[in-house]
Amino acid sequence: FIQSSCWRSMFGRVADSLEVYDDDEYLLSDRDCLVNRFISVPKDLGDLNCGAFTAGFVRGILHAAGFPAKVSAYYSEPNPAADINGVRTTNILMKFEREVIERESRLG
């Protein structure tokens, strides 16, 4: 839902991928995160990823839907062959609270 419907509503397209690492960890990837395209980060802030702002949206959506999670954003390692025009992929890691996993295992 977040990768498709929400992302399309916010950014006009779906996110590039959604991967499952464990039962409690999901990774959403966006090769061209809109907020990173229009914000210039000063050199003294180094590798700051403004996609953290987008991670806040994701966290809010999850919490409002009853799926509390810790959500963070980071850049993936640069891949010159895959990264278009030097654009770096923003990854949003969602780590769900134990209560969510337990509830879902009881229901599913």
PDB file of N, CA and C in Angstrom:
ATOM      1  N   PHE A   1       0.825  -1.203   0.000  1.00  0.00           N
ATOM      2  CA  PHE A   1       0.000   0.000   0.000  1.00  0.00           C
ATOM      3  C   PHE A   1       0.867   1.264   0.000  1.00  0.00           C
ATOM      4  N   ILE A   2       1.878   1.295   0.850  1.00  0.00           N
ATOM      5  CA  ILE A   2       2.728   2.491   0.911  1.00  0.00           C
ATOM      6  C   ILE A   2       3.553   2.615  -0.363  1.00  0.00           C
ATOM      7  N   GLN A   3       4.121   1.504  -0.837  1.00  0.00           N
ATOM      8  CA  GLN A   3       4.971   1.540  -2.028  1.00  0.00           C
ATOM      9  C   GLN A   3       4.181   1.972  -3.262  1.00  0.00           C
ATOM     10  N   SER A   4       2.926   1.596  -3.332  1.00  0.00           N
ATOM     11  CA  SER A   4       2.151   1.893  -4.535  1.00  0.00           C
ATOM     12  C   SER A   4       1.212   3.080  -4.347  1.00  0.00           C
ATOM     13  N   SER A   5       0.127   2.899  -3.655  1.00  0.00           N
ATOM     14  CA  SER A   5      -0.909   3.930  -3.557  1.00  0.00           C
ATOM     15  C   SER A   5      -0.418   5.218  -2.891  1.00  0.00           C
ATOM     16  N   CYS A   6       0.187   5.095  -1.735  1.00  0.00           N
ATOM     17  CA  CYS A   6       0.651   6.292  -1.019  1.00  0.00           C
ATOM     18  C   CYS A   6       1.750   7.010  -1.791  1.00  0.00           C
ATOM     19  N   TRP A   7       2.725   6.246  -2.278  1.00  0.00           N
ATOM     20  CA  TRP A   7       3.850   6.852  -2.995  1.00  0.00           C
ATOM     21  C   TRP A   7       3.350   7.573  -4.234  1.00  0.00           C
ATOM     22  N   ARG A   8       2.413   6.951  -4.945  1.00  0.00           N
ATOM     23  CA  ARG A   8       1.866   7.570  -6.154  1.00  0.00           C
ATOM     24  C   ARG A   8       1.128   8.856  -5.805  1.00  0.00           C
ATOM     25  N   SER A   9       0.385   8.865  -4.703  1.00  0.00           N
ATOM     26  CA  SER A   9      -0.331  10.077  -4.292  1.00  0.00           C
ATOM     27  C   SER A   9       0.628  11.197  -3.915  1.00  0.00           C
ATOM     28  N   MET A  10       1.732  10.858  -3.252  1.00  0.00           N
ATOM     29  CA  MET A  10       2.678  11.873  -2.803  1.00  0.00           C
ATOM     30  C   MET A  10       3.636  12.327  -3.897  1.00  0.00           C
ATOM     31  N   PHE A  11       4.111  11.386  -4.742  1.00  0.00           N
ATOM     32  CA  PHE A  11       5.202  11.694  -5.661  1.00  0.00           C
ATOM     33  C   PHE A  11       4.891  11.441  -7.139  1.00  0.00           C
ATOM     34  N   GLY A  12       3.673  11.017  -7.450  1.00  0.00           N
ATOM     35  CA  GLY A  12       3.286  10.830  -8.841  1.00  0.00           C
ATOM     36  C   GLY A  12       3.742   9.538  -9.481  1.00  0.00           C
ATOM     37  N   ARG A  13       4.330   8.653  -8.712  1.00  0.00           N
ATOM     38  CA  ARG A  13       4.771   7.346  -9.227  1.00  0.00           C
ATOM     39  C   ARG A  13       4.959   6.397  -8.049  1.00  0.00           C
ATOM     40  N   VAL A  14       5.067   5.109  -8.331  1.00  0.00           N
ATOM     41  CA  VAL A  14       5.299   4.144  -7.254  1.00  0.00           C
ATOM     42  C   VAL A  14       6.781   4.141  -6.892  1.00  0.00           C
ATOM     43  N   ALA A  15       7.092   3.686  -5.685  1.00  0.00           N
ATOM     44  CA  ALA A  15       8.491   3.530  -5.278  1.00  0.00           C
ATOM     45  C   ALA A  15       9.110   2.389  -6.086  1.00  0.00           C
ATOM     46  N   ASP A  16      10.420   2.387  -6.193  1.00  0.00           N
ATOM     47  CA  ASP A  16      11.102   1.418  -7.056  1.00  0.00           C
ATOM     48  C   ASP A  16      11.010  -0.024  -6.566  1.00  0.00           C
ATOM     49  N   SER A  17      11.105  -0.244  -5.261  1.00  0.00           N
ATOM     50  CA  SER A  17      11.026  -1.627  -4.777  1.00  0.00           C
ATOM     51  C   SER A  17      10.659  -1.669  -3.306  1.00  0.00           C
ATOM     52  N   LEU A  18      10.161  -2.823  -2.898  1.00  0.00           N
ATOM     53  CA  LEU A  18       9.866  -3.104  -1.499  1.00  0.00           C
ATOM     54  C   LEU A  18      10.370  -4.511  -1.226  1.00  0.00           C
ATOM     55  N   GLU A  19      11.309  -4.623  -0.292  1.00  0.00           N
ATOM     56  CA  GLU A  19      11.903  -5.921   0.034  1.00  0.00           C
ATOM     57  C   GLU A  19      11.608  -6.267   1.483  1.00  0.00           C
ATOM     58  N   VAL A  20      11.529  -7.555   1.752  1.00  0.00           N
ATOM     59  CA  VAL A  20      11.326  -8.051   3.113  1.00  0.00           C
ATOM     60  C   VAL A  20      12.626  -8.690   3.566  1.00  0.00           C
ATOM     61  N   TYR A  21      13.181  -8.196   4.699  1.00  0.00           N
ATOM     62  CA  TYR A  21      14.414  -8.775   5.229  1.00  0.00           C
ATOM     63  C   TYR A  21      14.112  -9.845   6.259  1.00  0.00           C
ATOM     64  N   ASP A  22      13.313  -9.529   7.218  1.00  0.00           N
ATOM     65  CA  ASP A  22      12.865 -10.463   8.241  1.00  0.00           C
ATOM     66  C   ASP A  22      11.366 -10.264   8.368  1.00  0.00           C
ATOM     67  N   ASP A  23      10.755 -10.974   9.285  1.00  0.00           N
ATOM     68  CA  ASP A  23       9.331 -10.763   9.507  1.00  0.00           C
ATOM     69  C   ASP A  23       9.044  -9.337   9.949  1.00  0.00           C
ATOM     70  N   ASP A  24      10.023  -8.701  10.584  1.00  0.00           N
ATOM     71  CA  ASP A  24       9.772  -7.374  11.144  1.00  0.00           C
ATOM     72  C   ASP A  24      10.479  -6.240  10.414  1.00  0.00           C
ATOM     73  N   GLU A  25      11.225  -6.517   9.340  1.00  0.00           N
ATOM     74  CA  GLU A  25      11.956  -5.481   8.627  1.00  0.00           C
ATOM     75  C   GLU A  25      11.608  -5.458   7.136  1.00  0.00           C
ATOM     76  N   TYR A  26      11.234  -4.270   6.678  1.00  0.00           N
ATOM     77  CA  TYR A  26      10.912  -4.062   5.271  1.00  0.00           C
ATOM     78  C   TYR A  26      11.743  -2.888   4.779  1.00  0.00           C
ATOM     79  N   LEU A  27      12.160  -2.950   3.515  1.00  0.00           N
ATOM     80  CA  LEU A  27      12.985  -1.903   2.934  1.00  0.00           C
ATOM     81  C   LEU A  27      12.327  -1.399   1.658  1.00  0.00           C
ATOM     82  N   LEU A  28      11.983  -0.116   1.659  1.00  0.00           N
ATOM     83  CA  LEU A  28      11.407   0.539   0.496  1.00  0.00           C
ATOM     84  C   LEU A  28      12.518   1.357  -0.153  1.00  0.00           C
ATOM     85  N   SER A  29      12.701   1.224  -1.454  1.00  0.00           N
ATOM     86  CA  SER A  29      13.787   1.929  -2.156  1.00  0.00           C
ATOM     87  C   SER A  29      13.227   2.859  -3.218  1.00  0.00           C
ATOM     88  N   ASP A  30      13.848   4.022  -3.330  1.00  0.00           N
ATOM     89  CA  ASP A  30      13.470   5.011  -4.336  1.00  0.00           C
ATOM     90  C   ASP A  30      14.750   5.562  -4.950  1.00  0.00           C
ATOM     91  N   ARG A  31      14.949   5.311  -6.240  1.00  0.00           N
ATOM     92  CA  ARG A  31      16.179   5.735  -6.916  1.00  0.00           C
ATOM     93  C   ARG A  31      16.254   7.240  -7.138  1.00  0.00           C
ATOM     94  N   ASP A  32      15.113   7.906  -7.064  1.00  0.00           N
ATOM     95  CA  ASP A  32      15.111   9.350  -7.326  1.00  0.00           C
ATOM     96  C   ASP A  32      14.121  10.022  -6.371  1.00  0.00           C
ATOM     97  N   CYS A  33      14.440  10.001  -5.105  1.00  0.00           N
ATOM     98  CA  CYS A  33      13.562  10.563  -4.076  1.00  0.00           C
ATOM     99  C   CYS A  33      13.379  12.066  -4.329  1.00  0.00           C
ATOM    100  N   LEU A  34      12.158  12.468  -4.492  1.00  0.00           N
ATOM    101  CA  LEU A  34      11.841  13.837  -4.885  1.00  0.00           C
ATOM    102  C   LEU A  34      12.443  14.882  -3.952  1.00  0.00           C
ATOM    103  N   VAL A  35      12.387  14.664  -2.646  1.00  0.00           N
ATOM    104  CA  VAL A  35      12.919  15.677  -1.722  1.00  0.00           C
ATOM    105  C   VAL A  35      14.425  15.829  -1.856  1.00  0.00           C
ATOM    106  N   ASN A  36      15.127  14.786  -2.231  1.00  0.00           N
ATOM    107  CA  ASN A  36      16.577  14.889  -2.424  1.00  0.00           C
ATOM    108  C   ASN A  36      16.929  15.661  -3.688  1.00  0.00           C
ATOM    109  N   ARG A  37      16.031  15.633  -4.661  1.00  0.00           N
ATOM    110  CA  ARG A  37      16.296  16.300  -5.925  1.00  0.00           C
ATOM    111  C   ARG A  37      16.286  17.822  -5.778  1.00  0.00           C
ATOM    112  N   PHE A  38      15.483  18.351  -4.874  1.00  0.00           N
ATOM    113  CA  PHE A  38      15.293  19.795  -4.793  1.00  0.00           C
ATOM    114  C   PHE A  38      15.895  20.442  -3.543  1.00  0.00           C
ATOM    115  N   ILE A  39      16.633  19.682  -2.754  1.00  0.00           N
ATOM    116  CA  ILE A  39      17.272  20.244  -1.560  1.00  0.00           C
ATOM    117  C   ILE A  39      18.782  20.086  -1.705  1.00  0.00           C
ATOM    118  N   SER A  40      19.487  21.179  -1.562  1.00  0.00           N
ATOM    119  CA  SER A  40      20.944  21.147  -1.610  1.00  0.00           C
ATOM    120  C   SER A  40      21.474  21.026  -0.185  1.00  0.00           C
ATOM    121  N   VAL A  41      22.253  20.000   0.052  1.00  0.00           N
ATOM    122  CA  VAL A  41      22.818  19.768   1.386  1.00  0.00           C
ATOM    123  C   VAL A  41      24.199  20.414   1.449  1.00  0.00           C
ATOM    124  N   PRO A  42      24.435  21.273   2.464  1.00  0.00           N
ATOM    125  CA  PRO A  42      25.764  21.878   2.610  1.00  0.00           C
ATOM    126  C   PRO A  42      26.838  20.807   2.819  1.00  0.00           C
ATOM    127  N   LYS A  43      28.019  21.056   2.304  1.00  0.00           N
ATOM    128  CA  LYS A  43      29.103  20.073   2.381  1.00  0.00           C
ATOM    129  C   LYS A  43      29.452  19.696   3.813  1.00  0.00           C
ATOM    130  N   ASP A  44      29.291  20.621   4.751  1.00  0.00           N
ATOM    131  CA  ASP A  44      29.651  20.307   6.135  1.00  0.00           C
ATOM    132  C   ASP A  44      28.668  19.334   6.789  1.00  0.00           C
ATOM    133  N   LEU A  45      27.515  19.090   6.147  1.00  0.00           N
ATOM    134  CA  LEU A  45      26.564  18.109   6.676  1.00  0.00           C
ATOM    135  C   LEU A  45      26.775  16.733   6.054  1.00  0.00           C
ATOM    136  N   GLY A  46      27.766  16.626   5.195  1.00  0.00           N
ATOM    137  CA  GLY A  46      28.191  15.338   4.663  1.00  0.00           C
ATOM    138  C   GLY A  46      27.121  14.561   3.927  1.00  0.00           C
ATOM    139  N   ASP A  47      26.811  13.381   4.442  1.00  0.00           N
ATOM    140  CA  ASP A  47      25.940  12.436   3.761  1.00  0.00           C
ATOM    141  C   ASP A  47      24.484  12.537   4.222  1.00  0.00           C
ATOM    142  N   LEU A  48      24.050  13.709   4.630  1.00  0.00           N
ATOM    143  CA  LEU A  48      22.678  13.895   5.084  1.00  0.00           C
ATOM    144  C   LEU A  48      21.707  13.505   3.979  1.00  0.00           C
ATOM    145  N   ASN A  49      20.749  12.671   4.313  1.00  0.00           N
ATOM    146  CA  ASN A  49      19.738  12.247   3.351  1.00  0.00           C
ATOM    147  C   ASN A  49      18.424  12.910   3.733  1.00  0.00           C
ATOM    148  N   CYS A  50      17.967  13.826   2.909  1.00  0.00           N
ATOM    149  CA  CYS A  50      16.721  14.525   3.186  1.00  0.00           C
ATOM    150  C   CYS A  50      15.511  13.611   3.003  1.00  0.00           C
ATOM    151  N   GLY A  51      15.754  12.398   2.543  1.00  0.00           N
ATOM    152  CA  GLY A  51      14.706  11.385   2.485  1.00  0.00           C
ATOM    153  C   GLY A  51      14.191  11.018   3.870  1.00  0.00           C
ATOM    154  N   ALA A  52      14.902  11.444   4.915  1.00  0.00           N
ATOM    155  CA  ALA A  52      14.419  11.234   6.278  1.00  0.00           C
ATOM    156  C   ALA A  52      13.070  11.925   6.463  1.00  0.00           C
ATOM    157  N   PHE A  53      12.858  13.026   5.756  1.00  0.00           N
ATOM    158  CA  PHE A  53      11.574  13.710   5.780  1.00  0.00           C
ATOM    159  C   PHE A  53      10.485  12.782   5.251  1.00  0.00           C
ATOM    160  N   THR A  54      10.780  12.080   4.169  1.00  0.00           N
ATOM    161  CA  THR A  54       9.846  11.115   3.593  1.00  0.00           C
ATOM    162  C   THR A  54       9.632   9.935   4.536  1.00  0.00           C
ATOM    163  N   ALA A  55      10.683   9.521   5.230  1.00  0.00           N
ATOM    164  CA  ALA A  55      10.551   8.441   6.211  1.00  0.00           C
ATOM    165  C   ALA A  55       9.563   8.830   7.305  1.00  0.00           C
ATOM    166  N   GLY A  56       9.502  10.118   7.624  1.00  0.00           N
ATOM    167  CA  GLY A  56       8.522  10.600   8.596  1.00  0.00           C
ATOM    168  C   GLY A  56       7.099  10.410   8.104  1.00  0.00           C
ATOM    169  N   PHE A  57       6.874  10.616   6.805  1.00  0.00           N
ATOM    170  CA  PHE A  57       5.557  10.345   6.224  1.00  0.00           C
ATOM    171  C   PHE A  57       5.198   8.872   6.400  1.00  0.00           C
ATOM    172  N   VAL A  58       6.154   8.015   6.059  1.00  0.00           N
ATOM    173  CA  VAL A  58       5.928   6.570   6.145  1.00  0.00           C
ATOM    174  C   VAL A  58       5.609   6.166   7.582  1.00  0.00           C
ATOM    175  N   ARG A  59       6.369   6.682   8.521  1.00  0.00           N
ATOM    176  CA  ARG A  59       6.125   6.365   9.930  1.00  0.00           C
ATOM    177  C   ARG A  59       4.727   6.805  10.348  1.00  0.00           C
ATOM    178  N   GLY A  60       4.321   7.993   9.954  1.00  0.00           N
ATOM    179  CA  GLY A  60       2.995   8.496  10.291  1.00  0.00           C
ATOM    180  C   GLY A  60       1.883   7.639   9.714  1.00  0.00           C
ATOM    181  N   ILE A  61       2.037   7.218   8.472  1.00  0.00           N
ATOM    182  CA  ILE A  61       1.032   6.365   7.827  1.00  0.00           C
ATOM    183  C   ILE A  61       0.934   5.032   8.563  1.00  0.00           C
ATOM    184  N   LEU A  62       2.094   4.432   8.867  1.00  0.00           N
ATOM    185  CA  LEU A  62       2.097   3.144   9.570  1.00  0.00           C
ATOM    186  C   LEU A  62       1.453   3.261  10.951  1.00  0.00           C
ATOM    187  N   HIS A  63       1.818   4.272  11.706  1.00  0.00           N
ATOM    188  CA  HIS A  63       1.262   4.441  13.054  1.00  0.00           C
ATOM    189  C   HIS A  63      -0.238   4.687  12.998  1.00  0.00           C
ATOM    190  N   ALA A  64      -0.689   5.511  12.059  1.00  0.00           N
ATOM    191  CA  ALA A  64      -2.119   5.792  11.934  1.00  0.00           C
ATOM    192  C   ALA A  64      -2.918   4.542  11.565  1.00  0.00           C
ATOM    193  N   ALA A  65      -2.274   3.628  10.862  1.00  0.00           N
ATOM    194  CA  ALA A  65      -2.943   2.391  10.450  1.00  0.00           C
ATOM    195  C   ALA A  65      -2.828   1.291  11.503  1.00  0.00           C
ATOM    196  N   GLY A  66      -2.175   1.580  12.631  1.00  0.00           N
ATOM    197  CA  GLY A  66      -2.047   0.589  13.699  1.00  0.00           C
ATOM    198  C   GLY A  66      -0.860  -0.346  13.550  1.00  0.00           C
ATOM    199  N   PHE A  67       0.174   0.109  12.837  1.00  0.00           N
ATOM    200  CA  PHE A  67       1.386  -0.678  12.638  1.00  0.00           C
ATOM    201  C   PHE A  67       2.602   0.106  13.108  1.00  0.00           C
ATOM    202  N   PRO A  68       2.755   0.308  14.415  1.00  0.00           N
ATOM    203  CA  PRO A  68       3.896   1.099  14.890  1.00  0.00           C
ATOM    204  C   PRO A  68       5.232   0.483  14.461  1.00  0.00           C
ATOM    205  N   ALA A  69       6.128   1.355  14.026  1.00  0.00           N
ATOM    206  CA  ALA A  69       7.431   0.904  13.540  1.00  0.00           C
ATOM    207  C   ALA A  69       8.457   2.007  13.718  1.00  0.00           C
ATOM    208  N   LYS A  70       9.707   1.608  13.786  1.00  0.00           N
ATOM    209  CA  LYS A  70      10.816   2.553  13.723  1.00  0.00           C
ATOM    210  C   LYS A  70      11.170   2.674  12.247  1.00  0.00           C
ATOM    211  N   VAL A  71      11.244   3.895  11.757  1.00  0.00           N
ATOM    212  CA  VAL A  71      11.467   4.125  10.331  1.00  0.00           C
ATOM    213  C   VAL A  71      12.664   5.064  10.176  1.00  0.00           C
ATOM    214  N   SER A  72      13.595   4.688   9.319  1.00  0.00           N
ATOM    215  CA  SER A  72      14.768   5.519   9.073  1.00  0.00           C
ATOM    216  C   SER A  72      15.091   5.528   7.584  1.00  0.00           C
ATOM    217  N   ALA A  73      15.851   6.541   7.179  1.00  0.00           N
ATOM    218  CA  ALA A  73      16.243   6.660   5.773  1.00  0.00           C
ATOM    219  C   ALA A  73      17.758   6.721   5.673  1.00  0.00           C
ATOM    220  N   TYR A  74      18.282   6.117   4.627  1.00  0.00           N
ATOM    221  CA  TYR A  74      19.722   6.177   4.373  1.00  0.00           C
ATOM    222  C   TYR A  74      19.961   5.947   2.883  1.00  0.00           C
ATOM    223  N   TYR A  75      21.136   6.354   2.429  1.00  0.00           N
ATOM    224  CA  TYR A  75      21.535   6.100   1.044  1.00  0.00           C
ATOM    225  C   TYR A  75      22.110   4.700   0.936  1.00  0.00           C
ATOM    226  N   SER A  76      21.866   4.046  -0.195  1.00  0.00           N
ATOM    227  CA  SER A  76      22.553   2.784  -0.454  1.00  0.00           C
ATOM    228  C   SER A  76      23.955   3.114  -0.964  1.00  0.00           C
ATOM    229  N   GLU A  77      24.801   2.117  -0.962  1.00  0.00           N
ATOM    230  CA  GLU A  77      26.152   2.317  -1.492  1.00  0.00           C
ATOM    231  C   GLU A  77      26.045   2.691  -2.969  1.00  0.00           C
ATOM    232  N   PRO A  78      26.828   3.650  -3.413  1.00  0.00           N
ATOM    233  CA  PRO A  78      26.761   4.062  -4.819  1.00  0.00           C
ATOM    234  C   PRO A  78      27.069   2.907  -5.764  1.00  0.00           C
ATOM    235  N   ASN A  79      26.297   2.824  -6.832  1.00  0.00           N
ATOM    236  CA  ASN A  79      26.501   1.819  -7.861  1.00  0.00           C
ATOM    237  C   ASN A  79      26.491   2.546  -9.208  1.00  0.00           C
ATOM    238  N   PRO A  80      27.660   2.859  -9.746  1.00  0.00           N
ATOM    239  CA  PRO A  80      27.727   3.648 -10.981  1.00  0.00           C
ATOM    240  C   PRO A  80      26.953   3.029 -12.141  1.00  0.00           C
ATOM    241  N   ALA A  81      26.866   1.715 -12.188  1.00  0.00           N
ATOM    242  CA  ALA A  81      26.157   1.064 -13.289  1.00  0.00           C
ATOM    243  C   ALA A  81      24.647   1.243 -13.163  1.00  0.00           C
ATOM    244  N   ALA A  82      24.125   1.312 -11.933  1.00  0.00           N
ATOM    245  CA  ALA A  82      22.683   1.381 -11.730  1.00  0.00           C
ATOM    246  C   ALA A  82      22.175   2.784 -11.439  1.00  0.00           C
ATOM    247  N   ASP A  83      23.003   3.619 -10.845  1.00  0.00           N
ATOM    248  CA  ASP A  83      22.555   4.956 -10.462  1.00  0.00           C
ATOM    249  C   ASP A  83      22.531   5.873 -11.675  1.00  0.00           C
ATOM    250  N   ILE A  84      21.361   6.396 -11.954  1.00  0.00           N
ATOM    251  CA  ILE A  84      21.150   7.222 -13.131  1.00  0.00           C
ATOM    252  C   ILE A  84      21.673   8.635 -12.879  1.00  0.00           C
ATOM    253  N   ASN A  85      22.549   9.112 -13.728  1.00  0.00           N
ATOM    254  CA  ASN A  85      23.077  10.477 -13.643  1.00  0.00           C
ATOM    255  C   ASN A  85      23.613  10.828 -12.256  1.00  0.00           C
ATOM    256  N   GLY A  86      24.201   9.875 -11.576  1.00  0.00           N
ATOM    257  CA  GLY A  86      24.770  10.138 -10.267  1.00  0.00           C
ATOM    258  C   GLY A  86      23.752  10.244  -9.145  1.00  0.00           C
ATOM    259  N   VAL A  87      22.488   9.964  -9.421  1.00  0.00           N
ATOM    260  CA  VAL A  87      21.436  10.023  -8.405  1.00  0.00           C
ATOM    261  C   VAL A  87      21.567   8.795  -7.520  1.00  0.00           C
ATOM    262  N   ARG A  88      21.530   9.023  -6.211  1.00  0.00           N
ATOM    263  CA  ARG A  88      21.703   7.919  -5.270  1.00  0.00           C
ATOM    264  C   ARG A  88      20.361   7.411  -4.772  1.00  0.00           C
ATOM    265  N   THR A  89      20.288   6.111  -4.535  1.00  0.00           N
ATOM    266  CA  THR A  89      19.054   5.476  -4.073  1.00  0.00           C
ATOM    267  C   THR A  89      18.848   5.743  -2.590  1.00  0.00           C
ATOM    268  N   THR A  90      17.645   6.185  -2.253  1.00  0.00           N
ATOM    269  CA  THR A  90      17.258   6.358  -0.866  1.00  0.00           C
ATOM    270  C   THR A  90      16.519   5.113  -0.423  1.00  0.00           C
ATOM    271  N   ASN A  91      16.938   4.553   0.688  1.00  0.00           N
ATOM    272  CA  ASN A  91      16.275   3.390   1.268  1.00  0.00           C
ATOM    273  C   ASN A  91      15.563   3.820   2.542  1.00  0.00           C
ATOM    274  N   ILE A  92      14.347   3.338   2.706  1.00  0.00           N
ATOM    275  CA  ILE A  92      13.579   3.615   3.914  1.00  0.00           C
ATOM    276  C   ILE A  92      13.354   2.277   4.605  1.00  0.00           C
ATOM    277  N   LEU A  93      13.980   2.137   5.759  1.00  0.00           N
ATOM    278  CA  LEU A  93      13.904   0.895   6.530  1.00  0.00           C
ATOM    279  C   LEU A  93      12.795   1.007   7.556  1.00  0.00           C
ATOM    280  N   MET A  94      11.875   0.032   7.522  1.00  0.00           N
ATOM    281  CA  MET A  94      10.768  -0.023   8.471  1.00  0.00           C
ATOM    282  C   MET A  94      10.955  -1.248   9.348  1.00  0.00           C
ATOM    283  N   LYS A  95      11.152  -1.035  10.635  1.00  0.00           N
ATOM    284  CA  LYS A  95      11.302  -2.134  11.585  1.00  0.00           C
ATOM    285  C   LYS A  95      10.097  -2.088  12.515  1.00  0.00           C
ATOM    286  N   PHE A  96       9.217  -3.082  12.343  1.00  0.00           N
ATOM    287  CA  PHE A  96       7.960  -3.100  13.080  1.00  0.00           C
ATOM    288  C   PHE A  96       8.156  -3.519  14.525  1.00  0.00           C
ATOM    289  N   GLU A  97       7.340  -2.940  15.401  1.00  0.00           N
ATOM    290  CA  GLU A  97       7.367  -3.271  16.818  1.00  0.00           C
ATOM    291  C   GLU A  97       6.953  -4.726  17.012  1.00  0.00           C
ATOM    292  N   ARG A  98       7.426  -5.329  18.071  1.00  0.00           N
ATOM    293  CA  ARG A  98       7.152  -6.730  18.369  1.00  0.00           C
ATOM    294  C   ARG A  98       5.650  -7.003  18.435  1.00  0.00           C
ATOM    295  N   GLU A  99       4.888  -6.070  19.008  1.00  0.00           N
ATOM    296  CA  GLU A  99       3.442  -6.254  19.152  1.00  0.00           C
ATOM    297  C   GLU A  99       2.753  -6.429  17.801  1.00  0.00           C
ATOM    298  N   VAL A 100       3.251  -5.747  16.779  1.00  0.00           N
ATOM    299  CA  VAL A 100       2.681  -5.865  15.437  1.00  0.00           C
ATOM    300  C   VAL A 100       2.927  -7.264  14.886  1.00  0.00           C
ATOM    301  N   ILE A 101       4.142  -7.752  15.038  1.00  0.00           N
ATOM    302  CA  ILE A 101       4.498  -9.077  14.529  1.00  0.00           C
ATOM    303  C   ILE A 101       3.683 -10.151  15.246  1.00  0.00           C
ATOM    304  N   GLU A 102       3.567 -10.033  16.560  1.00  0.00           N
ATOM    305  CA  GLU A 102       2.784 -11.009  17.324  1.00  0.00           C
ATOM    306  C   GLU A 102       1.317 -10.978  16.914  1.00  0.00           C
ATOM    307  N   ARG A 103       0.770  -9.787  16.757  1.00  0.00           N
ATOM    308  CA  ARG A 103      -0.635  -9.654  16.350  1.00  0.00           C
ATOM    309  C   ARG A 103      -0.858 -10.272  14.975  1.00  0.00           C
ATOM    310  N   GLU A 104       0.018  -9.985  14.044  1.00  0.00           N
ATOM    311  CA  GLU A 104      -0.133 -10.508  12.687  1.00  0.00           C
ATOM    312  C   GLU A 104       0.025 -12.022  12.637  1.00  0.00           C
ATOM    313  N   SER A 105       0.905 -12.586  13.472  1.00  0.00           N
ATOM    314  CA  SER A 105       1.064 -14.046  13.481  1.00  0.00           C
ATOM    315  C   SER A 105      -0.167 -14.722  14.084  1.00  0.00           C
ATOM    316  N   ARG A 106      -0.819 -14.081  15.068  1.00  0.00           N
ATOM    317  CA  ARG A 106      -2.063 -14.630  15.619  1.00  0.00           C
ATOM    318  C   ARG A 106      -3.189 -14.586  14.602  1.00  0.00           C
ATOM    319  N   LEU A 107      -3.244 -13.507  13.822  1.00  0.00           N
ATOM    320  CA  LEU A 107      -4.338 -13.322  12.865  1.00  0.00           C
ATOM    321  C   LEU A 107      -4.145 -14.102  11.567  1.00  0.00           C
ATOM    322  N   GLY A 108      -2.884 -14.306  11.210  1.00  0.00           N
ATOM    323  CA  GLY A 108      -2.602 -14.898   9.904  1.00  0.00           C
ATOM    324  C   GLY A 108      -2.310 -16.330   9.980  1.00  0.00           C
TER     325      GLY A 108
END
